[in-house]
Each structure stands twice: as structure tokens, then as C-alpha cells.
Amino acid sequence: MVTFDICKGNPGALAFVMEAYERDMFTAEQCFQRMERAGITGDKLYMLWNDCCGRDVGLALETMMCMPTPEIVRHINYEQGRGLPITKN
């Protein structure tokens, strides 16, 4: 089970985690386990939700579930300081 440690003290990541679990607990758990294994936590998790997915929890969950991890990392684009948008298909 994923704990709030995945947020690494980032309040935006915490808001995302809480919203995602409220929306769909089982899907959120699977997605956050996958992100935690990939090292996408804290500010990177927040960037995925905020920058890449425009705070769309559904899009973020779908992205975490279906998009290959290297592609997620490319969109987070951490070195540039802001994530690249992910569009709905």
C-alpha cells in the first residue's frame, strides 16, 4: 500500500493523492504504486498532475496507468522546471 510518503512533503502532491483516492481508490492505488516504483514522487508527481495533466485527475490516472514510464518522465521534463502537456486521446 502506498503511503503519504510518496508526496515527500509536497503539498500539491498531497492534494493530488487525496483527490485521486477520493475519485477511485483502487485505480489510484495501482497508479501510485507504479509511480513509486519508478521514482516519480513528491514534486515530480505534482508536476505530472499540475503541469502535464492540467490538474485533471482522470487524465493523470489514465496517464499513470497506460503511458510507458520513460514517456511520463519525458513529459515531466524536470530539468526545464515545468512539465510538458499531455493531451487526451
Protein backbone atom coordinates (compact mmCIF):
# COMPACT_ATOMS: atom_id res chain seq x y z
CA MET A 1 0.00 0.00 0.00
CA VAL A 2 1.23 3.45 -0.92
CA THR A 3 1.53 5.89 2.00
CA PHE A 4 1.64 9.67 2.08
CA ASP A 5 5.44 9.33 1.97
CA ILE A 6 5.02 9.31 -1.82
CA CYS A 7 4.34 13.07 -1.51
CA LYS A 8 7.79 13.78 0.00
CA GLY A 9 6.32 16.77 1.86
CA ASN A 10 4.98 18.42 -1.31
CA PRO A 11 1.53 19.90 -0.56
CA GLY A 12 0.49 19.82 -4.23
CA ALA A 13 1.34 16.13 -4.46
CA LEU A 14 -0.68 15.53 -1.29
CA ALA A 15 -3.69 17.33 -2.78
CA PHE A 16 -3.40 15.18 -5.92
CA VAL A 17 -3.08 11.92 -3.99
CA MET A 18 -6.10 12.72 -1.82
CA GLU A 19 -8.22 13.74 -4.83
CA ALA A 20 -7.22 10.62 -6.77
CA TYR A 21 -8.03 8.26 -3.89
CA GLU A 22 -11.37 10.01 -3.39
CA ARG A 23 -12.20 9.54 -7.07
CA ASP A 24 -11.19 5.86 -7.47
CA MET A 25 -9.35 4.22 -4.60
CA PHE A 26 -8.37 1.01 -6.39
CA THR A 27 -7.12 2.64 -9.59
CA ALA A 28 -5.27 5.30 -7.60
CA GLU A 29 -3.50 2.65 -5.53
CA GLN A 30 -2.31 0.81 -8.65
CA CYS A 31 -1.17 4.02 -10.30
CA PHE A 32 0.70 5.36 -7.28
CA GLN A 33 2.41 2.02 -6.70
CA ARG A 34 3.65 2.16 -10.29
CA MET A 35 4.86 5.75 -9.88
CA GLU A 36 6.58 4.97 -6.58
CA ARG A 37 8.45 2.03 -8.16
CA ALA A 38 9.54 4.37 -10.98
CA GLY A 39 10.77 7.04 -8.55
CA ILE A 40 8.09 9.54 -9.59
CA THR A 41 7.25 11.03 -6.21
CA GLY A 42 6.94 14.41 -4.48
CA ASP A 43 7.46 17.38 -6.77
CA LYS A 44 7.66 15.14 -9.86
CA LEU A 45 4.27 13.63 -9.00
CA TYR A 46 2.88 17.14 -8.55
CA MET A 47 4.33 18.24 -11.91
CA LEU A 48 2.69 15.26 -13.62
CA TRP A 49 -0.72 16.23 -12.25
CA ASN A 50 -0.41 20.02 -12.39
CA ASP A 51 1.77 20.77 -15.41
CA CYS A 52 1.30 17.73 -17.62
CA CYS A 53 -2.36 16.92 -16.94
CA GLY A 54 -3.72 20.39 -16.11
CA ARG A 55 -4.98 19.13 -12.72
CA ASP A 56 -7.28 16.68 -14.49
CA VAL A 57 -7.28 13.74 -12.06
CA GLY A 58 -8.87 11.40 -14.61
CA LEU A 59 -6.21 12.20 -17.21
CA ALA A 60 -3.47 11.81 -14.61
CA LEU A 61 -4.76 8.39 -13.53
CA GLU A 62 -5.08 7.25 -17.14
CA THR A 63 -1.57 8.51 -17.87
CA MET A 64 -0.08 6.76 -14.85
CA MET A 65 -1.87 3.53 -15.74
CA CYS A 66 -1.27 3.41 -19.50
CA MET A 67 1.66 5.58 -20.59
CA PRO A 68 5.12 3.97 -20.61
CA THR A 69 7.26 5.24 -17.74
CA PRO A 70 10.00 6.75 -19.99
CA GLU A 71 7.31 8.77 -21.77
CA ILE A 72 5.93 10.02 -18.45
CA VAL A 73 9.44 11.06 -17.40
CA ARG A 74 9.91 12.87 -20.72
CA HIS A 75 6.70 14.83 -20.15
CA ILE A 76 7.63 15.74 -16.59
CA ASN A 77 10.73 17.37 -18.12
CA TYR A 78 12.11 18.11 -14.65
CA GLU A 79 15.28 19.83 -15.89
CA GLN A 80 13.25 22.58 -17.58
CA GLY A 81 11.25 23.28 -14.42
CA ARG A 82 7.83 22.74 -15.98
CA GLY A 83 6.14 19.65 -17.37
CA LEU A 84 5.02 19.25 -20.97
CA PRO A 85 1.24 18.98 -21.50
CA ILE A 86 -0.32 15.57 -22.09
CA THR A 87 -3.42 15.67 -24.25
CA LYS A 88 -6.43 13.37 -24.09
CA ASN A 89 -6.77 10.88 -26.93
